[in-house]
Amino acid sequence: MREKVQQVIDEIRPSLQADGGDVELVDIEGGVVKVRLTGACAGCPMSQMTLQMGIERLLKQRLPEVERVENVQDVPGSTS
């Protein structure tokens, strides 16, 4: 399933990158896909809408086993 999720994310990434943002796959736990929004997406007030109406909608459409998508925030003070 990870490869299929990554393929869909790779389709979405150019649109986000065009606006200075990006998304990376962090983990999959059951039907929950965990991603990290980075760049301009990380601080954007519209990031929740991008996550739900863009990334989550497309993943659910292509992969019915996906239940939801969560944005994993960096831990303060981390160096990632």
C-alpha atoms as a PDB file:
ATOM      1  CA  MET A   1       0.000   0.000   0.000  1.00  0.00           C
ATOM      2  CA  ARG A   2       2.891   2.361   0.754  1.00  0.00           C
ATOM      3  CA  GLU A   3       3.998   2.361  -2.894  1.00  0.00           C
ATOM      4  CA  LYS A   4       0.471   3.162  -4.097  1.00  0.00           C
ATOM      5  CA  VAL A   5       0.118   6.016  -1.602  1.00  0.00           C
ATOM      6  CA  GLN A   6       3.530   7.383  -2.621  1.00  0.00           C
ATOM      7  CA  GLN A   7       2.508   7.309  -6.299  1.00  0.00           C
ATOM      8  CA  VAL A   8      -0.570   9.433  -5.595  1.00  0.00           C
ATOM      9  CA  ILE A   9       1.448  11.851  -3.446  1.00  0.00           C
ATOM     10  CA  ASP A  10       4.005  12.149  -6.247  1.00  0.00           C
ATOM     11  CA  GLU A  11       1.174  13.246  -8.566  1.00  0.00           C
ATOM     12  CA  ILE A  12       0.120  15.969  -6.118  1.00  0.00           C
ATOM     13  CA  ARG A  13       3.596  17.297  -5.290  1.00  0.00           C
ATOM     14  CA  PRO A  14       4.185  19.397  -8.452  1.00  0.00           C
ATOM     15  CA  SER A  15       1.088  21.496  -7.703  1.00  0.00           C
ATOM     16  CA  LEU A  16       2.263  22.164  -4.158  1.00  0.00           C
ATOM     17  CA  GLN A  17       5.831  22.818  -5.268  1.00  0.00           C
ATOM     18  CA  ALA A  18       4.601  25.397  -7.780  1.00  0.00           C
ATOM     19  CA  ASP A  19       3.330  27.420  -4.795  1.00  0.00           C
ATOM     20  CA  GLY A  20       6.515  26.931  -2.747  1.00  0.00           C
ATOM     21  CA  GLY A  21       5.262  24.020  -0.645  1.00  0.00           C
ATOM     22  CA  ASP A  22       5.630  20.276  -0.605  1.00  0.00           C
ATOM     23  CA  VAL A  23       4.312  17.109   1.029  1.00  0.00           C
ATOM     24  CA  GLU A  24       6.143  14.015   2.151  1.00  0.00           C
ATOM     25  CA  LEU A  25       4.845  10.631   3.234  1.00  0.00           C
ATOM     26  CA  VAL A  26       5.780   9.943   6.859  1.00  0.00           C
ATOM     27  CA  ASP A  27       3.961   6.741   7.766  1.00  0.00           C
ATOM     28  CA  ILE A  28       0.869   4.610   7.220  1.00  0.00           C
ATOM     29  CA  GLU A  29      -0.922   3.095  10.218  1.00  0.00           C
ATOM     30  CA  GLY A  30      -3.863   0.964   9.166  1.00  0.00           C
ATOM     31  CA  GLY A  31      -6.011   3.239   7.007  1.00  0.00           C
ATOM     32  CA  VAL A  32      -4.412   6.431   8.320  1.00  0.00           C
ATOM     33  CA  VAL A  33      -1.858   8.100   6.071  1.00  0.00           C
ATOM     34  CA  LYS A  34       0.511  10.464   7.881  1.00  0.00           C
ATOM     35  CA  VAL A  35       2.131  13.206   5.839  1.00  0.00           C
ATOM     36  CA  ARG A  36       4.216  16.284   6.557  1.00  0.00           C
ATOM     37  CA  LEU A  37       3.424  19.530   4.773  1.00  0.00           C
ATOM     38  CA  THR A  38       6.622  21.519   4.269  1.00  0.00           C
ATOM     39  CA  GLY A  39       7.804  24.785   2.768  1.00  0.00           C
ATOM     40  CA  ALA A  40       5.073  27.355   2.215  1.00  0.00           C
ATOM     41  CA  CYS A  41       2.437  24.718   3.047  1.00  0.00           C
ATOM     42  CA  ALA A  42       3.738  24.328   6.606  1.00  0.00           C
ATOM     43  CA  GLY A  43       2.605  27.777   7.709  1.00  0.00           C
ATOM     44  CA  CYS A  44      -0.211  28.373   5.263  1.00  0.00           C
ATOM     45  CA  PRO A  45      -3.658  29.023   6.737  1.00  0.00           C
ATOM     46  CA  MET A  46      -5.157  27.023   3.853  1.00  0.00           C
ATOM     47  CA  SER A  47      -3.035  23.935   4.558  1.00  0.00           C
ATOM     48  CA  GLN A  48      -5.903  22.081   6.284  1.00  0.00           C
ATOM     49  CA  MET A  49      -8.064  22.572   3.205  1.00  0.00           C
ATOM     50  CA  THR A  50      -5.209  21.412   0.959  1.00  0.00           C
ATOM     51  CA  LEU A  51      -4.840  18.355   3.156  1.00  0.00           C
ATOM     52  CA  GLN A  52      -8.538  17.412   3.214  1.00  0.00           C
ATOM     53  CA  MET A  53      -9.875  18.614  -0.132  1.00  0.00           C
ATOM     54  CA  GLY A  54      -6.769  17.830  -2.140  1.00  0.00           C
ATOM     55  CA  ILE A  55      -4.539  15.118  -0.726  1.00  0.00           C
ATOM     56  CA  GLU A  56      -7.096  13.154   1.322  1.00  0.00           C
ATOM     57  CA  ARG A  57      -9.821  13.339  -1.335  1.00  0.00           C
ATOM     58  CA  LEU A  58      -7.516  12.047  -4.074  1.00  0.00           C
ATOM     59  CA  LEU A  59      -6.035   9.294  -1.912  1.00  0.00           C
ATOM     60  CA  LYS A  60      -9.503   8.066  -0.870  1.00  0.00           C
ATOM     61  CA  GLN A  61     -10.694   8.215  -4.461  1.00  0.00           C
ATOM     62  CA  ARG A  62      -7.782   6.114  -5.737  1.00  0.00           C
ATOM     63  CA  LEU A  63      -7.275   3.899  -2.680  1.00  0.00           C
ATOM     64  CA  PRO A  64     -10.522   3.014  -0.840  1.00  0.00           C
ATOM     65  CA  GLU A  65      -8.520   1.497   2.038  1.00  0.00           C
ATOM     66  CA  VAL A  66      -7.389   5.006   3.050  1.00  0.00           C
ATOM     67  CA  GLU A  67      -9.625   6.242   5.885  1.00  0.00           C
ATOM     68  CA  ARG A  68      -8.041   9.629   6.521  1.00  0.00           C
ATOM     69  CA  VAL A  69      -4.905  11.716   6.121  1.00  0.00           C
ATOM     70  CA  GLU A  70      -3.177  13.458   9.029  1.00  0.00           C
ATOM     71  CA  ASN A  71      -0.549  16.184   8.953  1.00  0.00           C
ATOM     72  CA  VAL A  72       2.334  15.319  11.270  1.00  0.00           C
ATOM     73  CA  GLN A  73       3.954  18.460  12.653  1.00  0.00           C
ATOM     74  CA  ASP A  74       7.647  18.658  13.390  1.00  0.00           C
ATOM     75  CA  VAL A  75       8.560  18.513  17.048  1.00  0.00           C
ATOM     76  CA  PRO A  76       9.729  21.961  18.209  1.00  0.00           C
ATOM     77  CA  GLY A  77      13.487  22.073  18.358  1.00  0.00           C
ATOM     78  CA  SER A  78      13.965  19.180  15.934  1.00  0.00           C
ATOM     79  CA  THR A  79      16.452  19.521  13.112  1.00  0.00           C
ATOM     80  CA  SER A  80      14.601  17.860  10.255  1.00  0.00           C
END
